[in-house]
C-alpha cells in the first residue's frame, strides 16, 4: 500500500484523514475544481493542485482570475 502525504498548494497545511479536500486542474487559462478523489490524485495529472478547503479554493480562483488580467493586457498590446 502506497502511503502519500499531501500538502495544500495554497497554504501548506498537511492533509489529515478527515479533511474535505479539493483538487484543481489548470487547463489553459481555465481552472477546474473537483472533489478529492484518490483515483484522480494517483493519476498525477500535470499541474494538479491539492487544495485543503473552500477558503484556499477561493484564493486559488482569485489568483486564476488575476492571471486573466495579465493575459488580456498582453493580448491588447
C-alpha atoms as a PDB file:
ATOM      1  CA  UNK A   1       0.000   0.000   0.000  1.00  0.00           C
ATOM      2  CA  UNK A   2       1.344   3.371  -1.031  1.00  0.00           C
ATOM      3  CA  UNK A   3       1.106   5.951   1.775  1.00  0.00           C
ATOM      4  CA  UNK A   4       1.196   9.507   0.463  1.00  0.00           C
ATOM      5  CA  UNK A   5       1.109  12.750   2.367  1.00  0.00           C
ATOM      6  CA  UNK A   6      -0.298  15.801   0.646  1.00  0.00           C
ATOM      7  CA  UNK A   7       0.015  19.455   1.498  1.00  0.00           C
ATOM      8  CA  UNK A   8      -2.252  22.266   0.362  1.00  0.00           C
ATOM      9  CA  UNK A   9      -0.696  24.065  -2.599  1.00  0.00           C
ATOM     10  CA  UNK A  10      -2.110  27.364  -1.308  1.00  0.00           C
ATOM     11  CA  UNK A  11      -1.497  27.419   2.470  1.00  0.00           C
ATOM     12  CA  UNK A  12       0.792  24.422   3.042  1.00  0.00           C
ATOM     13  CA  UNK A  13      -1.326  22.598   5.646  1.00  0.00           C
ATOM     14  CA  UNK A  14      -0.867  18.817   5.583  1.00  0.00           C
ATOM     15  CA  UNK A  15      -3.862  16.641   4.676  1.00  0.00           C
ATOM     16  CA  UNK A  16      -5.394  14.713   7.573  1.00  0.00           C
ATOM     17  CA  UNK A  17      -7.677  11.665   7.442  1.00  0.00           C
ATOM     18  CA  UNK A  18     -10.973  13.561   7.827  1.00  0.00           C
ATOM     19  CA  UNK A  19     -10.293  16.646   5.736  1.00  0.00           C
ATOM     20  CA  UNK A  20     -12.630  17.672   2.908  1.00  0.00           C
ATOM     21  CA  UNK A  21     -10.093  18.389   0.214  1.00  0.00           C
ATOM     22  CA  UNK A  22     -10.452  19.550  -3.377  1.00  0.00           C
ATOM     23  CA  UNK A  23      -8.310  19.078  -6.452  1.00  0.00           C
ATOM     24  CA  UNK A  24      -7.852  21.770  -9.081  1.00  0.00           C
ATOM     25  CA  UNK A  25      -6.828  21.172 -12.674  1.00  0.00           C
ATOM     26  CA  UNK A  26      -5.437  24.006 -14.785  1.00  0.00           C
ATOM     27  CA  UNK A  27      -6.444  23.645 -18.435  1.00  0.00           C
ATOM     28  CA  UNK A  28      -5.015  26.527 -20.432  1.00  0.00           C
ATOM     29  CA  UNK A  29      -6.216  29.688 -18.715  1.00  0.00           C
ATOM     30  CA  UNK A  30      -9.133  27.813 -17.095  1.00  0.00           C
ATOM     31  CA  UNK A  31      -9.180  26.213 -13.651  1.00  0.00           C
ATOM     32  CA  UNK A  32     -11.429  23.219 -12.960  1.00  0.00           C
ATOM     33  CA  UNK A  33     -12.277  22.214  -9.383  1.00  0.00           C
ATOM     34  CA  UNK A  34     -13.348  18.736  -8.295  1.00  0.00           C
ATOM     35  CA  UNK A  35     -13.906  16.886  -5.010  1.00  0.00           C
ATOM     36  CA  UNK A  36     -10.883  14.935  -3.753  1.00  0.00           C
ATOM     37  CA  UNK A  37     -10.747  11.519  -5.373  1.00  0.00           C
ATOM     38  CA  UNK A  38      -7.949   9.043  -4.678  1.00  0.00           C
ATOM     39  CA  UNK A  39      -8.052   7.785  -8.276  1.00  0.00           C
ATOM     40  CA  UNK A  40      -7.661  11.326  -9.586  1.00  0.00           C
ATOM     41  CA  UNK A  41      -4.821  12.033  -7.165  1.00  0.00           C
ATOM     42  CA  UNK A  42      -2.922   8.915  -8.229  1.00  0.00           C
ATOM     43  CA  UNK A  43      -3.316   9.955 -11.885  1.00  0.00           C
ATOM     44  CA  UNK A  44      -0.745  12.692 -11.119  1.00  0.00           C
ATOM     45  CA  UNK A  45      -2.107  14.970 -13.829  1.00  0.00           C
ATOM     46  CA  UNK A  46       0.229  17.750 -14.918  1.00  0.00           C
ATOM     47  CA  UNK A  47      -0.349  20.832 -12.799  1.00  0.00           C
ATOM     48  CA  UNK A  48      -2.820  19.108 -10.446  1.00  0.00           C
ATOM     49  CA  UNK A  49      -3.214  21.210  -7.306  1.00  0.00           C
ATOM     50  CA  UNK A  50      -4.194  19.903  -3.868  1.00  0.00           C
ATOM     51  CA  UNK A  51      -6.497  22.311  -2.023  1.00  0.00           C
ATOM     52  CA  UNK A  52      -7.448  21.943   1.661  1.00  0.00           C
ATOM     53  CA  UNK A  53     -10.889  23.520   1.512  1.00  0.00           C
ATOM     54  CA  UNK A  54     -13.186  26.299   0.405  1.00  0.00           C
ATOM     55  CA  UNK A  55     -11.048  29.202   1.622  1.00  0.00           C
ATOM     56  CA  UNK A  56      -7.950  28.055  -0.261  1.00  0.00           C
ATOM     57  CA  UNK A  57     -10.063  27.138  -3.316  1.00  0.00           C
ATOM     58  CA  UNK A  58     -11.377  30.709  -3.298  1.00  0.00           C
ATOM     59  CA  UNK A  59      -7.819  32.027  -3.040  1.00  0.00           C
ATOM     60  CA  UNK A  60      -6.739  29.898  -5.995  1.00  0.00           C
ATOM     61  CA  UNK A  61      -9.768  31.038  -8.000  1.00  0.00           C
ATOM     62  CA  UNK A  62      -8.884  34.685  -7.252  1.00  0.00           C
ATOM     63  CA  UNK A  63      -5.294  34.109  -8.375  1.00  0.00           C
ATOM     64  CA  UNK A  64      -6.555  32.498 -11.582  1.00  0.00           C
ATOM     65  CA  UNK A  65      -8.853  35.453 -12.313  1.00  0.00           C
ATOM     66  CA  UNK A  66      -6.000  37.886 -11.618  1.00  0.00           C
ATOM     67  CA  UNK A  67      -3.928  35.939 -14.138  1.00  0.00           C
ATOM     68  CA  UNK A  68      -6.583  36.603 -16.773  1.00  0.00           C
ATOM     69  CA  UNK A  69      -5.908  40.337 -16.400  1.00  0.00           C
ATOM     70  CA  UNK A  70      -2.265  39.701 -17.223  1.00  0.00           C
ATOM     71  CA  UNK A  71      -3.203  37.594 -20.262  1.00  0.00           C
ATOM     72  CA  UNK A  72      -5.686  40.218 -21.501  1.00  0.00           C
ATOM     73  CA  UNK A  73      -3.195  43.075 -21.017  1.00  0.00           C
ATOM     74  CA  UNK A  74      -0.585  41.165 -23.035  1.00  0.00           C
ATOM     75  CA  UNK A  75      -3.068  40.456 -25.857  1.00  0.00           C
ATOM     76  CA  UNK A  76      -4.112  44.137 -26.064  1.00  0.00           C
ATOM     77  CA  UNK A  77      -0.531  45.349 -26.723  1.00  0.00           C
END
